[in-house]
Amino acid sequence: MRALGLMSGTSLDGVDVAVIDTDGERIEGFGPAATYPHAETTRELVRAVFGATSRSPATDAAEAAITTAHIEAVRLFAREQGIDLASIDVVGFHGQTITHKPQERFTWQIGDGQALARALGRPVVADLRSADVAAGGQGAPLVPIFHQALVRDLELPVAVVNIGGVANVTWIGEDGRLVAFDTGPGNAPIDDWMRRFTNETFDMDGALASRGEVFGESVRAFLNSSYFSIFPPKSLDRNDFKFNMTDNLKVEDGISTLSYCTCLGISLSQAHFPAPARTWIVCGGGSRNETIMSWLSRLVDGHVTVGSDYSWDVEALEAQAFGFLAVRHLRGLPNSFPSTTGVARPIIGGVLHRP
C-alpha cells in the first residue's frame, strides 16, 4: 500500500508529511517528505491547552487549528510533489498530543480524523494511542515496530533513538525482541528556554550549548528523578521534568545544561537493555545538534551515528512511521506490544475514518 503519514510533535515545529510504500511489515520504498511550519497562532492555541483533560472552547479552537494545518499541509505537499491524492491508500494521522497521563489511563491527541478524511477524500487512521492506554499500556512509544523494519538487515542489537520534544529509544535484539521507552526530555525544554530568552525557537546545531557551562545543581536534581529507576516500558509527557534553574544563568549555560540532561537521560537507558547495543542510531531534530551528538558519543557504549548515514530521512521518520502504522491497522496487525508499552497483549491501535 502507499501510505501518507502525518506527525506534529510536542516541540510544535510543524506538520511532517511523508509517503511510504509498505505492507506494514516490510518497507518497499520511501516517497517524498516535507515539513510545513505551524503558524505562530496555531502554536499559541496549542500551548494554551497543554495539560487539558476535558473539552472546552480553547481545546476546540486548538483542535480546529491543528486539523486545518494538517489539511493545508497535505494539499500543499501534494501540489509541490505532483502527487495525486487518489494514489494514497491510507493516511496515518498522529494528531497533536496535548496531555499524556498513562498512569491515569488518559492520553489526548487533538485532531479531527473525520474532518481530515472528508477534506482529503482518503481513508484516515487516527487516534493511534488511546486503545493502548485504555488497556493499561503507556501509549508510547509507538514507532518500535517501524524501527525494527528499518534495521532488519543490520547487525544487532541496535538502539534507535529519536530526539523530538521527548526522547525515546528502541532496542532491537537478534531474536527480534523489542524493548522501548521514553528516556527523558528531548528538545522541548531546550526550545522552551530558547523562546524564553532569545528570539530563536531552537538551538541551531547546538551552537549555544557548545559555548555554555553545565549547571551542576540542576544535573544532580535531574539524576535524582525517580523516573530513571522505573523499569520499562514507561513514557513521559513533555512537561514531566521540571528543571531547577535560576533566571540568573547565562542563556548558553541554561541551554548547555538542558542539552546535557537530554544526553544523560538517553545514556541511563542502557541499564534497561537486555544486551549492549552495538550501534546507536540517532534520529529526530536532536540528530542535527552537534553538541548533543558529541556528548552522547562520550556517554554511551557502542558506536553512535545518525539515521542519515543509512539514507534514512531523520526528519520524516515519525511521519513515515505513522503511515506504516496506518497500514498495519488496515491489515489487522498490532502496533503496540507488552515489551514496548507495557500493555497486557498486543494492541491494534487507531480509529479508521472514511471520507
Protein backbone atom coordinates (compact mmCIF):
# COMPACT_ATOMS: atom_id res chain seq x y z
CA MET A 1 0.00 0.00 0.00
CA ARG A 2 1.02 3.61 -0.47
CA ALA A 3 0.53 5.45 2.80
CA LEU A 4 0.88 9.10 3.72
CA GLY A 5 1.97 9.70 7.30
CA LEU A 6 1.50 12.87 9.34
CA MET A 7 3.24 13.95 12.51
CA SER A 8 3.18 17.06 14.67
CA GLY A 9 5.43 16.63 17.69
CA THR A 10 5.40 18.19 21.13
CA SER A 11 8.06 20.68 20.03
CA LEU A 12 5.36 22.19 17.74
CA ASP A 13 7.77 22.76 14.87
CA GLY A 14 5.20 21.98 12.22
CA VAL A 15 3.48 19.22 10.25
CA ASP A 16 5.74 16.49 8.89
CA VAL A 17 4.34 14.79 5.79
CA ALA A 18 5.87 11.65 4.28
CA VAL A 19 4.96 8.91 1.80
CA ILE A 20 5.91 5.28 2.33
CA ASP A 21 5.25 2.08 0.37
CA THR A 22 4.75 -0.85 2.74
CA ASP A 23 2.71 -3.89 3.66
CA GLY A 24 3.03 -2.97 7.34
CA GLU A 25 5.82 -5.50 7.86
CA ARG A 26 8.48 -4.64 5.30
CA ILE A 27 9.34 -1.31 3.74
CA GLU A 28 9.24 -1.42 -0.04
CA GLY A 29 10.26 2.19 -0.59
CA PHE A 30 10.14 5.76 0.61
CA GLY A 31 8.46 8.57 -1.25
CA PRO A 32 8.96 12.31 -0.77
CA ALA A 33 8.74 14.08 2.58
CA ALA A 34 8.47 17.67 3.74
CA THR A 35 7.79 19.78 6.81
CA TYR A 36 5.38 22.72 6.94
CA PRO A 37 5.93 25.05 9.92
CA HIS A 38 2.99 25.83 12.16
CA ALA A 39 1.72 29.38 12.19
CA GLU A 40 2.56 31.08 15.47
CA THR A 41 -1.16 31.49 16.16
CA THR A 42 -1.56 27.71 15.95
CA ARG A 43 1.35 27.19 18.32
CA GLU A 44 -0.16 29.64 20.80
CA LEU A 45 -3.57 27.95 20.68
CA VAL A 46 -1.98 24.54 21.32
CA ARG A 47 0.39 25.68 24.05
CA ALA A 48 -2.61 27.20 25.86
CA VAL A 49 -4.22 23.76 26.22
CA PHE A 50 -1.20 21.63 27.15
CA GLY A 51 -2.30 19.54 30.12
CA ALA A 52 -6.04 19.82 29.41
CA THR A 53 -8.16 16.82 30.38
CA SER A 54 -11.60 17.90 29.16
CA ARG A 55 -13.07 19.69 26.19
CA SER A 56 -13.52 23.44 26.28
CA PRO A 57 -13.76 26.26 23.75
CA ALA A 58 -9.97 26.53 23.99
CA THR A 59 -9.35 22.86 23.14
CA ASP A 60 -11.92 23.03 20.34
CA ALA A 61 -10.11 26.05 18.86
CA ALA A 62 -6.74 24.30 19.14
CA GLU A 63 -8.11 21.14 17.51
CA ALA A 64 -9.64 23.11 14.65
CA ALA A 65 -6.34 24.90 14.06
CA ILE A 66 -4.34 21.66 14.13
CA THR A 67 -6.76 19.92 11.76
CA THR A 68 -6.68 22.85 9.33
CA ALA A 69 -2.87 22.92 9.49
CA HIS A 70 -2.74 19.25 8.50
CA ILE A 71 -5.25 19.63 5.68
CA GLU A 72 -3.34 22.58 4.25
CA ALA A 73 0.00 20.80 4.65
CA VAL A 74 -1.17 17.71 2.76
CA ARG A 75 -2.72 19.74 -0.05
CA LEU A 76 0.42 21.84 -0.43
CA PHE A 77 2.60 18.73 -0.28
CA ALA A 78 0.55 17.03 -2.99
CA ARG A 79 0.83 20.08 -5.25
CA GLU A 80 4.56 20.52 -4.69
CA GLN A 81 5.37 16.83 -5.17
CA GLY A 82 2.94 16.22 -8.02
CA ILE A 83 1.10 13.53 -6.06
CA ASP A 84 -2.48 12.60 -6.91
CA LEU A 85 -4.12 12.02 -3.52
CA ALA A 86 -6.21 9.28 -5.17
CA SER A 87 -2.97 7.24 -5.29
CA ILE A 88 -2.75 7.26 -1.49
CA ASP A 89 -4.36 4.16 0.05
CA VAL A 90 -4.46 5.46 3.62
CA VAL A 91 -3.38 8.42 5.73
CA GLY A 92 -1.84 7.89 9.18
CA PHE A 93 -2.75 10.89 11.36
CA HIS A 94 -0.97 11.23 14.69
CA GLY A 95 -2.67 14.47 15.69
CA GLN A 96 -1.19 16.72 18.36
CA THR A 97 -0.51 15.42 21.86
CA ILE A 98 -1.64 17.94 24.46
CA THR A 99 -1.79 15.66 27.52
CA HIS A 100 -0.28 12.24 28.19
CA LYS A 101 -1.00 10.62 31.58
CA PRO A 102 -0.93 6.86 31.02
CA GLN A 103 -0.82 6.23 34.78
CA GLU A 104 -4.34 7.67 34.82
CA ARG A 105 -5.22 5.81 31.61
CA PHE A 106 -5.50 9.09 29.78
CA THR A 107 -3.89 10.41 26.62
CA TRP A 108 -5.19 13.06 24.25
CA GLN A 109 -4.09 13.77 20.70
CA ILE A 110 -6.26 16.55 19.30
CA GLY A 111 -7.12 16.48 15.60
CA ASP A 112 -10.35 15.65 13.80
CA GLY A 113 -9.70 12.47 11.80
CA GLN A 114 -13.12 12.50 10.17
CA ALA A 115 -12.72 16.10 9.00
CA LEU A 116 -9.31 15.22 7.58
CA ALA A 117 -10.74 12.20 5.71
CA ARG A 118 -13.53 14.33 4.22
CA ALA A 119 -11.20 17.12 3.19
CA LEU A 120 -8.64 14.82 1.56
CA GLY A 121 -11.05 12.24 0.21
CA ARG A 122 -8.91 9.42 1.60
CA PRO A 123 -9.26 6.91 4.49
CA VAL A 124 -7.59 8.18 7.65
CA VAL A 125 -6.38 6.15 10.64
CA ALA A 126 -6.19 8.43 13.68
CA ASP A 127 -6.11 8.25 17.48
CA LEU A 128 -3.39 5.61 17.48
CA ARG A 129 -2.53 5.78 21.19
CA SER A 130 -5.82 5.68 23.07
CA ALA A 131 -6.60 1.95 22.75
CA ASP A 132 -3.22 1.04 24.22
CA VAL A 133 -3.61 3.44 27.15
CA ALA A 134 -7.17 2.28 27.81
CA ALA A 135 -5.84 -1.29 28.01
CA GLY A 136 -3.25 -0.31 30.61
CA GLY A 137 -0.32 0.46 28.31
CA GLN A 138 1.85 3.56 28.18
CA GLY A 139 0.58 4.53 24.73
CA ALA A 140 4.17 5.32 23.76
CA PRO A 141 6.44 4.85 22.04
CA LEU A 142 4.55 3.53 19.01
CA VAL A 143 7.39 3.54 16.49
CA PRO A 144 9.42 0.48 17.67
CA ILE A 145 7.81 -1.90 15.20
CA PHE A 146 8.76 0.55 12.43
CA HIS A 147 12.31 0.81 13.78
CA GLN A 148 12.53 -2.98 13.64
CA ALA A 149 11.60 -2.91 9.95
CA LEU A 150 14.26 -0.23 9.31
CA VAL A 151 17.15 -2.20 10.89
CA ARG A 152 16.14 -5.61 9.56
CA ASP A 153 19.43 -6.03 7.66
CA LEU A 154 21.81 -4.52 10.24
CA GLU A 155 23.98 -6.28 12.81
CA LEU A 156 22.00 -6.43 16.04
CA PRO A 157 21.46 -5.38 18.82
CA VAL A 158 20.79 -1.84 17.68
CA ALA A 159 19.37 1.10 19.64
CA VAL A 160 17.36 3.63 17.64
CA VAL A 161 17.00 6.94 19.46
CA ASN A 162 14.52 9.60 18.49
CA ILE A 163 15.14 13.04 19.97
CA GLY A 164 11.97 15.03 19.48
CA GLY A 165 10.20 17.03 22.17
CA VAL A 166 10.65 13.95 24.36
CA ALA A 167 13.47 11.46 23.69
CA ASN A 168 12.78 7.76 23.29
CA VAL A 169 14.74 4.64 22.45
CA THR A 170 14.01 1.32 20.78
CA TRP A 171 16.37 -1.60 21.46
CA ILE A 172 16.12 -4.32 18.81
CA GLY A 173 17.67 -7.68 19.64
CA GLU A 174 18.98 -10.50 17.48
CA ASP A 175 15.90 -12.63 18.18
CA GLY A 176 13.53 -9.84 17.14
CA ARG A 177 12.89 -8.80 20.72
CA LEU A 178 11.88 -5.19 21.23
CA VAL A 179 12.39 -3.01 24.29
CA ALA A 180 11.24 0.60 24.04
CA PHE A 181 10.56 3.55 26.30
CA ASP A 182 10.90 7.31 26.72
CA THR A 183 14.35 8.11 28.08
CA GLY A 184 13.66 11.62 29.36
CA PRO A 185 13.32 15.13 27.98
CA GLY A 186 14.36 15.81 24.40
CA ASN A 187 14.22 19.14 22.61
CA ALA A 188 11.14 20.55 24.37
CA PRO A 189 12.86 22.17 27.41
CA ILE A 190 15.71 23.39 25.20
CA ASP A 191 13.27 25.01 22.79
CA ASP A 192 11.23 26.48 25.65
CA TRP A 193 14.38 28.08 27.12
CA MET A 194 15.35 29.45 23.71
CA ARG A 195 11.93 31.02 23.25
CA ARG A 196 12.05 32.50 26.72
CA PHE A 197 15.42 34.18 26.47
CA THR A 198 16.19 34.61 22.77
CA ASN A 199 14.41 35.44 19.55
CA GLU A 200 15.03 31.90 18.28
CA THR A 201 12.89 28.78 18.63
CA PHE A 202 15.72 26.23 18.84
CA ASP A 203 19.49 25.98 19.28
CA MET A 204 20.78 25.69 15.71
CA ASP A 205 23.40 22.90 15.51
CA GLY A 206 23.82 23.09 19.30
CA ALA A 207 25.89 26.26 18.87
CA LEU A 208 24.74 27.93 22.11
CA ALA A 209 25.07 24.71 24.11
CA SER A 210 28.67 24.34 22.94
CA ARG A 211 29.54 27.74 24.43
CA GLY A 212 27.88 27.24 27.80
CA GLU A 213 28.73 25.53 31.08
CA VAL A 214 26.64 22.76 32.60
CA PHE A 215 24.87 23.84 35.82
CA GLY A 216 25.74 21.04 38.25
CA GLU A 217 22.90 21.65 40.71
CA SER A 218 20.29 21.15 38.02
CA VAL A 219 22.02 18.00 36.73
CA ARG A 220 22.10 16.50 40.23
CA ALA A 221 18.40 17.18 40.67
CA PHE A 222 17.75 15.66 37.24
CA LEU A 223 19.61 12.47 38.16
CA ASN A 224 17.59 12.16 41.37
CA SER A 225 14.36 11.75 39.40
CA SER A 226 12.56 8.53 40.27
CA TYR A 227 11.75 8.10 36.57
CA PHE A 228 15.15 6.58 35.84
CA SER A 229 14.67 3.73 38.32
CA ILE A 230 11.29 2.72 36.86
CA PHE A 231 11.57 -0.44 34.82
CA PRO A 232 10.31 -0.01 31.25
CA PRO A 233 8.01 0.24 29.44
CA LYS A 234 7.44 3.82 30.57
CA SER A 235 6.58 7.12 28.94
CA LEU A 236 6.53 10.84 29.59
CA ASP A 237 4.55 13.98 28.98
CA ARG A 238 6.64 16.86 27.58
CA ASN A 239 6.24 18.76 30.88
CA ASP A 240 7.01 15.92 33.31
CA PHE A 241 10.55 17.11 34.01
CA LYS A 242 10.84 20.41 35.84
CA PHE A 243 14.31 21.94 35.82
CA ASN A 244 15.51 23.92 38.81
CA MET A 245 17.43 26.66 37.07
CA THR A 246 17.66 30.29 38.03
CA ASP A 247 16.93 33.13 35.66
CA ASN A 248 20.38 34.48 36.57
CA LEU A 249 22.04 31.79 34.48
CA LYS A 250 23.53 32.86 31.20
CA VAL A 251 21.35 31.78 28.28
CA GLU A 252 24.08 29.49 26.94
CA ASP A 253 24.55 27.87 30.37
CA GLY A 254 20.87 27.03 30.54
CA ILE A 255 20.90 25.57 27.03
CA SER A 256 24.08 23.62 27.80
CA THR A 257 22.56 22.18 30.96
CA LEU A 258 19.32 21.14 29.30
CA SER A 259 21.15 19.59 26.36
CA TYR A 260 23.46 17.63 28.65
CA CYS A 261 20.49 16.32 30.65
CA THR A 262 18.88 15.09 27.43
CA CYS A 263 22.05 13.08 26.74
CA LEU A 264 22.26 11.80 30.30
CA GLY A 265 18.68 10.52 30.14
CA ILE A 266 19.48 8.63 26.95
CA SER A 267 22.69 7.17 28.42
CA LEU A 268 20.82 5.92 31.51
CA SER A 269 18.57 3.85 29.23
CA GLN A 270 21.44 1.38 28.79
CA ALA A 271 20.71 -0.09 32.21
CA HIS A 272 17.45 -1.49 30.85
CA PHE A 273 18.83 -3.17 27.71
CA PRO A 274 18.96 -6.99 27.71
CA ALA A 275 22.37 -6.70 25.99
CA PRO A 276 24.57 -3.76 24.99
CA ALA A 277 23.70 -2.07 21.72
CA ARG A 278 26.41 -2.40 19.07
CA THR A 279 25.18 0.72 17.32
CA TRP A 280 23.13 3.74 18.37
CA ILE A 281 21.27 5.39 15.50
CA VAL A 282 20.03 8.87 16.40
CA CYS A 283 17.07 10.43 14.60
CA GLY A 284 14.78 13.42 15.03
CA GLY A 285 15.73 17.06 15.39
CA GLY A 286 18.34 16.23 18.03
CA SER A 287 20.41 14.32 15.48
CA ARG A 288 21.32 17.67 13.87
CA ASN A 289 22.54 19.10 17.18
CA GLU A 290 26.31 18.64 17.06
CA THR A 291 26.74 19.27 20.78
CA ILE A 292 24.18 16.64 21.75
CA MET A 293 25.75 14.13 19.34
CA SER A 294 29.22 14.81 20.76
CA TRP A 295 28.13 14.34 24.38
CA LEU A 296 26.10 11.27 23.53
CA SER A 297 29.13 9.63 21.90
CA ARG A 298 31.01 10.01 25.19
CA LEU A 299 28.18 8.85 27.43
CA VAL A 300 27.01 5.60 25.80
CA ASP A 301 28.75 2.33 24.96
CA GLY A 302 28.76 1.40 21.28
CA HIS A 303 29.11 3.32 18.05
CA VAL A 304 26.92 6.43 17.79
CA THR A 305 25.75 7.51 14.36
CA VAL A 306 22.78 9.24 12.75
CA GLY A 307 19.93 7.86 10.68
CA SER A 308 21.04 9.83 7.63
CA ASP A 309 24.13 7.56 7.47
CA TYR A 310 21.70 4.80 6.50
CA SER A 311 19.87 7.02 3.99
CA TRP A 312 17.02 7.50 6.46
CA ASP A 313 15.23 10.83 6.33
CA VAL A 314 15.58 11.54 10.05
CA GLU A 315 13.21 14.48 9.98
CA ALA A 316 10.49 12.39 8.29
CA LEU A 317 10.95 9.21 10.31
CA GLU A 318 7.99 9.63 12.65
CA ALA A 319 5.68 10.70 9.84
CA GLN A 320 6.79 7.63 7.88
CA ALA A 321 6.14 5.52 10.98
CA PHE A 322 2.54 6.68 11.26
CA GLY A 323 1.94 5.84 7.62
CA PHE A 324 3.40 2.40 8.38
CA LEU A 325 1.15 2.03 11.45
CA ALA A 326 -1.92 3.04 9.43
CA VAL A 327 -1.25 0.17 7.02
CA ARG A 328 -0.82 -2.21 9.96
CA HIS A 329 -4.21 -1.09 11.25
CA LEU A 330 -5.85 -1.86 7.91
CA ARG A 331 -4.21 -5.30 7.88
CA GLY A 332 -5.23 -6.06 11.46
CA LEU A 333 -1.64 -6.09 12.73
CA PRO A 334 -0.78 -4.77 16.21
CA ASN A 335 1.26 -1.61 16.67
CA SER A 336 1.97 -1.85 20.40
CA PHE A 337 3.24 -4.74 22.47
CA PRO A 338 3.90 -5.77 26.09
CA SER A 339 7.64 -5.05 25.69
CA THR A 340 7.15 -1.61 24.13
CA THR A 341 4.24 -0.03 26.02
CA GLY A 342 3.59 -2.48 28.85
CA VAL A 343 0.13 -3.41 27.60
CA ALA A 344 -1.00 -6.90 28.59
CA ARG A 345 -1.42 -8.10 25.00
CA PRO A 346 -0.59 -6.70 21.54
CA ILE A 347 -2.98 -3.93 20.54
CA ILE A 348 -4.24 -2.91 17.10
CA GLY A 349 -4.41 0.83 17.67
CA GLY A 350 -6.22 3.54 15.78
CA VAL A 351 -9.65 4.55 14.57
CA LEU A 352 -10.49 4.35 10.85
CA HIS A 353 -12.32 7.32 9.32
CA ARG A 354 -13.67 7.02 5.79
CA PRO A 355 -14.35 10.05 3.56
